[in-house]
Amino acid sequence: MRLIIASNRLPVTVVRGERGVELRESVGGLATGLKSFLAKTNGGRALGIDEVVWLGWSGVPAESEGDDVAKALRERGMEPVPLTSKEVEGFYEGFCNSTLWPLFHGFTTYAVYREEWWEQYVKANEKFAERIASVARPGDLVWIHDYHLMLAPAMVKARAPDAAVGFFLHIPFPPPDVLTAHAEPLEVRHIGGAPRGRPSRLPHTRVRGQLRPQRC
């Protein structure tokens, strides 16, 4: 059995130097936590895992990533998911860090919502789901991580219904009253919903209005 770990970032930093592409291990956060887990389980072998494949963004924009980066990552058991600078800006810096992170931590006054960020979030999750589905084999265990990829589990199941998919959220999930009090007409994908359809909409609620669309 293989374990496919999917996270926003791969556990390495890509550096280009005179000798070509160099991969340096990242320190802290998800990378450190999962490396500790793998170390304590003998690379997953104690749990019956034969191989670990880590899937995520390399940290290099797709327009400048190049085949050499992808090759170096795959040689280390990692599968890159290319993201353009525009996608990183809307998906990661926008919706993940400016909308979800403050909202989920209760800092609702600082949560900013923009429709284009949400669209990039959906697009990025679709990219991850497509790559996961293309890499996964029968019998593999897919483990998806954190608020960056909350749509990905259902998207993977829609593409690969027989896949064993797990999800772990590394930040607190907000209570319902926070979501209903501050949510704009965000779209959500129903668990086990339509195979390839667009996410459906939640009712429009604006109680205190801290989370409002801001048009660029």
Protein backbone atom coordinates (compact mmCIF):
# COMPACT_ATOMS: atom_id res chain seq x y z
CA MET A 1 0.00 0.00 0.00
CA ARG A 2 1.19 3.51 -0.81
CA LEU A 3 0.43 6.60 1.22
CA ILE A 4 -0.21 9.70 -0.89
CA ILE A 5 0.15 12.85 1.19
CA ALA A 6 -1.37 15.97 -0.37
CA SER A 7 -0.64 19.40 1.05
CA ASN A 8 -0.47 22.93 -0.25
CA ARG A 9 3.35 22.95 -0.17
CA LEU A 10 5.86 20.19 -0.60
CA PRO A 11 8.21 19.64 2.38
CA VAL A 12 11.19 21.15 0.56
CA THR A 13 12.44 24.52 -0.65
CA VAL A 14 13.62 24.63 -4.26
CA VAL A 15 16.90 26.48 -4.84
CA ARG A 16 18.59 26.94 -8.21
CA GLY A 17 22.36 27.26 -8.09
CA GLU A 18 25.48 26.63 -10.12
CA ARG A 19 24.97 22.88 -9.74
CA GLY A 20 21.39 23.05 -10.89
CA VAL A 21 18.32 22.37 -8.76
CA GLU A 22 18.84 21.85 -5.04
CA LEU A 23 16.11 20.67 -2.67
CA ARG A 24 16.40 21.81 0.93
CA GLU A 25 14.20 20.37 3.64
CA SER A 26 11.63 22.77 5.04
CA VAL A 27 11.53 23.35 8.78
CA GLY A 28 8.40 23.79 10.87
CA GLY A 29 4.70 23.45 10.28
CA LEU A 30 3.10 20.55 8.46
CA ALA A 31 6.38 19.30 6.99
CA THR A 32 7.98 18.80 10.42
CA GLY A 33 4.86 17.21 11.89
CA LEU A 34 4.48 14.65 9.14
CA LYS A 35 8.19 13.89 9.03
CA SER A 36 7.99 13.05 12.74
CA PHE A 37 5.08 10.72 12.03
CA LEU A 38 6.98 9.00 9.23
CA ALA A 39 10.10 8.69 11.37
CA LYS A 40 8.20 7.07 14.24
CA THR A 41 6.54 4.58 11.89
CA ASN A 42 9.71 3.64 9.99
CA GLY A 43 8.61 5.53 6.91
CA GLY A 44 5.10 4.15 7.32
CA ARG A 45 6.25 0.52 7.16
CA ALA A 46 5.03 -0.15 10.70
CA LEU A 47 1.54 0.61 9.38
CA GLY A 48 1.84 -1.51 6.26
CA ILE A 49 2.82 1.36 3.99
CA ASP A 50 5.37 0.40 1.33
CA GLU A 51 5.92 3.82 -0.23
CA VAL A 52 5.11 7.45 0.51
CA VAL A 53 4.37 9.93 -2.27
CA TRP A 54 4.10 13.59 -1.26
CA LEU A 55 2.04 15.77 -3.59
CA GLY A 56 1.94 19.58 -3.51
CA TRP A 57 3.14 22.89 -4.91
CA SER A 58 6.91 23.27 -5.23
CA GLY A 59 6.90 26.93 -4.18
CA VAL A 60 8.09 27.94 -7.66
CA PRO A 61 5.52 29.59 -9.96
CA ALA A 62 4.54 27.30 -12.83
CA GLU A 63 5.77 29.79 -15.43
CA SER A 64 9.33 29.43 -14.13
CA GLU A 65 9.30 25.94 -12.60
CA GLY A 66 10.73 23.98 -15.54
CA ASP A 67 11.19 20.28 -16.16
CA ASP A 68 14.38 20.21 -14.09
CA VAL A 69 12.46 21.05 -10.90
CA ALA A 70 9.78 18.44 -11.57
CA LYS A 71 12.44 15.82 -12.30
CA ALA A 72 14.36 16.58 -9.09
CA LEU A 73 11.18 16.38 -7.02
CA ARG A 74 10.03 13.09 -8.52
CA GLU A 75 13.43 11.57 -7.86
CA ARG A 76 12.78 12.31 -4.17
CA GLY A 77 9.29 10.75 -4.17
CA MET A 78 7.39 14.01 -4.58
CA GLU A 79 4.77 14.91 -7.17
CA PRO A 80 4.52 18.63 -8.05
CA VAL A 81 1.22 20.41 -8.64
CA PRO A 82 2.03 23.47 -10.77
CA LEU A 83 0.44 26.76 -9.72
CA THR A 84 0.88 30.03 -11.60
CA SER A 85 1.68 33.32 -9.86
CA LYS A 86 -1.93 34.42 -10.40
CA GLU A 87 -3.26 31.22 -8.86
CA VAL A 88 -0.95 31.55 -5.85
CA GLU A 89 -2.06 35.14 -5.35
CA GLY A 90 -5.77 34.33 -5.42
CA PHE A 91 -5.79 30.84 -3.94
CA TYR A 92 -3.05 31.01 -1.30
CA GLU A 93 -2.45 34.64 -0.43
CA GLY A 94 -6.06 35.59 -1.06
CA PHE A 95 -8.70 33.05 -0.09
CA CYS A 96 -6.57 30.85 2.19
CA ASN A 97 -4.66 33.51 4.12
CA SER A 98 -6.97 36.53 3.90
CA THR A 99 -10.36 34.79 4.11
CA LEU A 100 -10.17 31.33 5.67
CA TRP A 101 -7.33 31.76 8.17
CA PRO A 102 -8.74 34.79 10.03
CA LEU A 103 -12.30 33.46 9.81
CA PHE A 104 -11.42 30.05 11.21
CA HIS A 105 -9.40 31.59 14.05
CA GLY A 106 -12.21 33.92 15.05
CA PHE A 107 -10.61 37.12 13.70
CA THR A 108 -13.71 37.92 11.68
CA THR A 109 -13.00 41.64 11.53
CA TYR A 110 -9.91 40.89 9.44
CA ALA A 111 -11.51 38.37 7.09
CA VAL A 112 -11.74 39.64 3.52
CA TYR A 113 -13.72 37.91 0.78
CA ARG A 114 -13.31 38.43 -2.96
CA GLU A 115 -15.16 36.39 -5.54
CA GLU A 116 -12.07 36.00 -7.72
CA TRP A 117 -10.17 34.52 -4.77
CA TRP A 118 -12.88 31.92 -4.28
CA GLU A 119 -12.76 31.04 -7.97
CA GLN A 120 -8.98 30.51 -7.74
CA TYR A 121 -9.48 28.40 -4.61
CA VAL A 122 -11.87 26.11 -6.48
CA LYS A 123 -9.54 25.95 -9.48
CA ALA A 124 -6.51 25.09 -7.34
CA ASN A 125 -8.42 22.35 -5.50
CA GLU A 126 -9.49 20.93 -8.85
CA LYS A 127 -5.85 20.88 -9.95
CA PHE A 128 -4.85 18.98 -6.83
CA ALA A 129 -7.74 16.55 -7.21
CA GLU A 130 -6.88 15.85 -10.85
CA ARG A 131 -3.25 15.18 -9.97
CA ILE A 132 -4.15 12.98 -7.01
CA ALA A 133 -6.58 10.94 -9.10
CA SER A 134 -3.99 10.51 -11.84
CA VAL A 135 -1.31 9.34 -9.39
CA ALA A 136 -3.41 7.12 -7.10
CA ARG A 137 -3.50 3.37 -7.68
CA PRO A 138 -5.96 0.79 -6.37
CA GLY A 139 -5.19 0.14 -2.70
CA ASP A 140 -3.47 3.49 -2.10
CA LEU A 141 -4.40 5.64 0.88
CA VAL A 142 -4.82 9.35 0.11
CA TRP A 143 -4.27 11.74 3.04
CA ILE A 144 -5.21 15.37 2.27
CA HIS A 145 -4.19 18.16 4.61
CA ASP A 146 -5.46 21.47 5.88
CA TYR A 147 -7.71 24.36 4.94
CA HIS A 148 -6.00 24.99 1.62
CA LEU A 149 -7.52 21.79 0.21
CA MET A 150 -10.92 21.44 1.87
CA LEU A 151 -12.70 20.86 -1.44
CA ALA A 152 -10.19 18.31 -2.70
CA PRO A 153 -11.45 15.19 -0.86
CA ALA A 154 -14.90 15.28 -2.49
CA MET A 155 -13.33 16.18 -5.83
CA VAL A 156 -11.00 13.17 -5.61
CA LYS A 157 -13.89 10.86 -4.68
CA ALA A 158 -15.84 12.16 -7.67
CA ARG A 159 -12.97 11.22 -9.96
CA ALA A 160 -11.94 8.03 -8.16
CA PRO A 161 -14.94 6.68 -6.20
CA ASP A 162 -13.04 3.67 -4.89
CA ALA A 163 -10.14 5.70 -3.51
CA ALA A 164 -9.58 5.66 0.26
CA VAL A 165 -9.41 9.37 1.15
CA GLY A 166 -8.69 10.93 4.53
CA PHE A 167 -8.60 14.61 5.50
CA PHE A 168 -6.99 16.38 8.44
CA LEU A 169 -7.61 20.02 9.33
CA HIS A 170 -4.68 21.57 11.18
CA ILE A 171 -6.52 24.67 12.38
CA PRO A 172 -9.72 24.96 14.44
CA PHE A 173 -13.00 24.75 12.53
CA PRO A 174 -15.22 27.72 13.43
CA PRO A 175 -18.56 27.25 15.19
CA PRO A 176 -21.66 27.49 12.96
CA ASP A 177 -22.65 30.92 14.27
CA VAL A 178 -19.36 32.39 13.05
CA LEU A 179 -19.90 31.02 9.56
CA THR A 180 -23.54 32.06 9.33
CA ALA A 181 -22.86 35.49 10.78
CA HIS A 182 -20.02 36.34 8.45
CA ALA A 183 -20.48 34.26 5.31
CA GLU A 184 -21.25 35.82 1.95
CA PRO A 185 -22.81 33.62 -0.76
CA LEU A 186 -19.88 31.24 -0.62
CA GLU A 187 -20.16 28.08 -2.65
CA VAL A 188 -19.57 24.68 -1.10
CA ARG A 189 -19.24 21.27 -2.65
CA HIS A 190 -21.58 18.76 -1.06
CA ILE A 191 -19.87 15.64 0.26
CA GLY A 192 -20.57 12.89 -2.25
CA GLY A 193 -22.15 15.42 -4.61
CA ALA A 194 -22.36 15.51 -8.38
CA PRO A 195 -19.25 14.01 -10.04
CA ARG A 196 -18.00 17.00 -12.01
CA GLY A 197 -20.54 19.75 -11.37
CA ARG A 198 -19.71 23.18 -10.06
CA PRO A 199 -20.09 23.69 -6.30
CA SER A 200 -23.55 24.77 -5.18
CA ARG A 201 -24.33 27.98 -3.31
CA LEU A 202 -25.16 28.53 0.32
CA PRO A 203 -27.98 30.97 1.14
CA HIS A 204 -26.88 34.59 1.27
CA THR A 205 -26.50 35.67 4.89
CA ARG A 206 -25.05 38.90 6.21
CA VAL A 207 -25.76 39.48 9.88
CA ARG A 208 -22.92 41.77 10.83
CA GLY A 209 -21.30 42.03 7.45
CA GLN A 210 -17.65 41.78 8.39
CA LEU A 211 -17.02 39.45 5.46
CA ARG A 212 -17.96 41.33 2.30
CA PRO A 213 -16.91 40.93 -1.31
CA GLN A 214 -14.38 43.51 -2.40
CA ARG A 215 -14.14 44.05 -6.12
CA CYS A 216 -10.76 44.87 -7.64
